[in-house]
Amino acid sequence: MNHNVKTSSNTCLGDEVLKGITRLIVETDEKKPQVVATITADGIDLALGYRIRMKPDPDYDG
């Protein structure tokens, strides 16, 4: 991993699908998977050559 942020948080990411999840690991579908990104409540650790697009919640007031 090369870009951004802390990945040691134990804070849950959200409600519904991510309820009770402290980190989301995105990896390739290969015999020996490569980690593309690790997403936590504190940030995103992203491999070189990839990007993350985030869609803000228009109703969020924070």
N, C-alpha and C. Protein backbone atom coordinates (compact mmCIF):
# COMPACT_ATOMS: atom_id res chain seq x y z
N MET A 1 0.84 -1.17 0.00
CA MET A 1 0.00 0.00 0.00
C MET A 1 0.88 1.23 0.00
N ASN A 2 0.40 2.26 -0.64
CA ASN A 2 1.26 3.40 -0.80
C ASN A 2 0.65 4.76 -0.46
N HIS A 3 -0.63 4.91 -0.54
CA HIS A 3 -1.25 6.22 -0.39
C HIS A 3 -2.08 6.32 0.88
N ASN A 4 -1.96 7.45 1.55
CA ASN A 4 -2.89 7.90 2.57
C ASN A 4 -2.98 7.07 3.84
N VAL A 5 -3.31 7.63 4.83
CA VAL A 5 -4.13 7.36 5.97
C VAL A 5 -3.78 6.18 6.87
N LYS A 6 -4.35 6.23 8.06
CA LYS A 6 -4.21 5.19 9.07
C LYS A 6 -5.15 4.03 8.76
N THR A 7 -4.73 2.82 9.10
CA THR A 7 -5.63 1.67 8.90
C THR A 7 -5.78 0.85 10.17
N SER A 8 -5.51 1.46 11.33
CA SER A 8 -5.55 0.70 12.58
C SER A 8 -6.80 0.97 13.41
N SER A 9 -7.81 1.57 12.84
CA SER A 9 -9.02 1.91 13.58
C SER A 9 -9.88 0.68 13.86
N ASN A 10 -10.49 0.65 15.03
CA ASN A 10 -11.48 -0.38 15.34
C ASN A 10 -12.88 0.20 15.32
N THR A 11 -13.02 1.42 14.81
CA THR A 11 -14.32 2.07 14.69
C THR A 11 -15.08 1.44 13.53
N CYS A 12 -16.34 1.13 13.75
CA CYS A 12 -17.16 0.55 12.68
C CYS A 12 -17.38 1.56 11.57
N LEU A 13 -17.51 1.07 10.34
CA LEU A 13 -17.63 1.92 9.17
C LEU A 13 -19.02 2.52 8.99
N GLY A 14 -20.06 1.82 9.39
CA GLY A 14 -21.39 2.38 9.16
C GLY A 14 -22.50 1.45 9.59
N ASP A 15 -23.67 1.71 9.07
CA ASP A 15 -24.87 0.94 9.37
C ASP A 15 -25.17 -0.01 8.21
N GLU A 16 -26.18 -0.82 8.40
CA GLU A 16 -26.69 -1.75 7.40
C GLU A 16 -25.61 -2.72 6.91
N VAL A 17 -25.19 -2.64 5.66
CA VAL A 17 -24.24 -3.60 5.08
C VAL A 17 -22.91 -3.60 5.84
N LEU A 18 -22.46 -2.42 6.28
CA LEU A 18 -21.16 -2.30 6.95
C LEU A 18 -21.27 -2.31 8.47
N LYS A 19 -22.42 -2.64 9.01
CA LYS A 19 -22.61 -2.68 10.46
C LYS A 19 -21.70 -3.74 11.07
N GLY A 20 -20.92 -3.33 12.06
CA GLY A 20 -20.02 -4.25 12.73
C GLY A 20 -18.71 -4.49 12.00
N ILE A 21 -18.48 -3.81 10.89
CA ILE A 21 -17.27 -3.97 10.08
C ILE A 21 -16.29 -2.86 10.44
N THR A 22 -15.03 -3.21 10.76
CA THR A 22 -14.03 -2.20 11.12
C THR A 22 -13.13 -1.85 9.95
N ARG A 23 -13.04 -2.73 8.97
CA ARG A 23 -12.27 -2.39 7.77
C ARG A 23 -12.79 -3.18 6.59
N LEU A 24 -12.66 -2.57 5.43
CA LEU A 24 -13.07 -3.18 4.17
C LEU A 24 -11.81 -3.32 3.32
N ILE A 25 -11.50 -4.54 2.92
CA ILE A 25 -10.29 -4.81 2.14
C ILE A 25 -10.70 -5.18 0.72
N VAL A 26 -10.21 -4.43 -0.25
CA VAL A 26 -10.50 -4.67 -1.66
C VAL A 26 -9.28 -5.32 -2.27
N GLU A 27 -9.48 -6.47 -2.93
CA GLU A 27 -8.34 -7.17 -3.51
C GLU A 27 -8.70 -7.78 -4.86
N THR A 28 -7.67 -8.14 -5.61
CA THR A 28 -7.87 -8.74 -6.93
C THR A 28 -8.38 -10.17 -6.79
N ASP A 29 -8.97 -10.68 -7.85
CA ASP A 29 -9.50 -12.04 -7.86
C ASP A 29 -8.49 -12.95 -8.57
N GLU A 30 -7.43 -13.27 -7.87
CA GLU A 30 -6.35 -14.09 -8.42
C GLU A 30 -6.01 -15.19 -7.43
N LYS A 31 -5.20 -16.15 -7.86
CA LYS A 31 -4.78 -17.23 -6.97
C LYS A 31 -4.04 -16.67 -5.76
N LYS A 32 -3.21 -15.66 -5.98
CA LYS A 32 -2.53 -14.93 -4.90
C LYS A 32 -3.01 -13.48 -4.96
N PRO A 33 -4.13 -13.18 -4.29
CA PRO A 33 -4.74 -11.85 -4.40
C PRO A 33 -3.80 -10.73 -3.97
N GLN A 34 -3.89 -9.60 -4.67
CA GLN A 34 -3.16 -8.39 -4.32
C GLN A 34 -4.16 -7.42 -3.70
N VAL A 35 -3.78 -6.81 -2.58
CA VAL A 35 -4.66 -5.84 -1.93
C VAL A 35 -4.63 -4.54 -2.73
N VAL A 36 -5.80 -4.07 -3.12
CA VAL A 36 -5.95 -2.83 -3.88
C VAL A 36 -6.18 -1.66 -2.92
N ALA A 37 -7.02 -1.87 -1.90
CA ALA A 37 -7.31 -0.81 -0.94
C ALA A 37 -7.78 -1.40 0.38
N THR A 38 -7.45 -0.68 1.45
CA THR A 38 -7.99 -0.97 2.77
C THR A 38 -8.70 0.29 3.23
N ILE A 39 -9.98 0.15 3.56
CA ILE A 39 -10.81 1.29 3.93
C ILE A 39 -11.24 1.12 5.39
N THR A 40 -10.94 2.15 6.21
CA THR A 40 -11.35 2.16 7.61
C THR A 40 -12.11 3.45 7.89
N ALA A 41 -12.59 3.59 9.11
CA ALA A 41 -13.27 4.82 9.50
C ALA A 41 -12.32 6.01 9.49
N ASP A 42 -11.01 5.75 9.64
CA ASP A 42 -10.01 6.82 9.67
C ASP A 42 -9.49 7.20 8.30
N GLY A 43 -9.69 6.36 7.29
CA GLY A 43 -9.20 6.73 5.97
C GLY A 43 -9.06 5.55 5.03
N ILE A 44 -8.32 5.79 3.94
CA ILE A 44 -8.16 4.80 2.88
C ILE A 44 -6.68 4.64 2.58
N ASP A 45 -6.21 3.39 2.53
CA ASP A 45 -4.85 3.07 2.11
C ASP A 45 -4.99 2.44 0.74
N LEU A 46 -4.43 3.08 -0.28
CA LEU A 46 -4.70 2.71 -1.66
C LEU A 46 -3.41 2.36 -2.40
N ALA A 47 -3.41 1.27 -3.17
CA ALA A 47 -2.25 0.86 -3.96
C ALA A 47 -2.05 1.82 -5.13
N LEU A 48 -0.79 1.96 -5.55
CA LEU A 48 -0.48 2.79 -6.71
C LEU A 48 -1.20 2.28 -7.95
N GLY A 49 -1.65 3.19 -8.79
CA GLY A 49 -2.32 2.81 -10.03
C GLY A 49 -3.83 2.68 -9.91
N TYR A 50 -4.37 2.91 -8.71
CA TYR A 50 -5.81 2.84 -8.49
C TYR A 50 -6.28 4.16 -7.93
N ARG A 51 -7.58 4.39 -8.03
CA ARG A 51 -8.15 5.60 -7.44
C ARG A 51 -9.48 5.24 -6.78
N ILE A 52 -9.86 6.09 -5.87
CA ILE A 52 -11.13 5.94 -5.16
C ILE A 52 -12.00 7.13 -5.51
N ARG A 53 -13.25 6.87 -5.83
CA ARG A 53 -14.23 7.94 -6.04
C ARG A 53 -15.27 7.83 -4.94
N MET A 54 -15.55 8.93 -4.29
CA MET A 54 -16.54 8.93 -3.22
C MET A 54 -17.70 9.84 -3.60
N LYS A 55 -18.89 9.40 -3.28
CA LYS A 55 -20.09 10.20 -3.55
C LYS A 55 -20.61 10.74 -2.22
N PRO A 56 -20.59 12.06 -2.05
CA PRO A 56 -21.09 12.63 -0.79
C PRO A 56 -22.61 12.50 -0.64
N ASP A 57 -23.05 12.43 0.59
CA ASP A 57 -24.47 12.39 0.90
C ASP A 57 -24.98 13.83 0.91
N PRO A 58 -25.86 14.19 -0.01
CA PRO A 58 -26.32 15.59 -0.08
C PRO A 58 -27.11 16.02 1.15
N ASP A 59 -27.61 15.07 1.94
CA ASP A 59 -28.39 15.39 3.14
C ASP A 59 -27.54 15.45 4.40
N TYR A 60 -26.24 15.16 4.29
CA TYR A 60 -25.35 15.15 5.45
C TYR A 60 -25.04 16.57 5.89
N ASP A 61 -25.22 16.85 7.19
CA ASP A 61 -25.01 18.20 7.71
C ASP A 61 -23.70 18.33 8.49
N GLY A 62 -22.87 17.29 8.54
CA GLY A 62 -21.66 17.31 9.37
C GLY A 62 -20.55 17.96 8.78
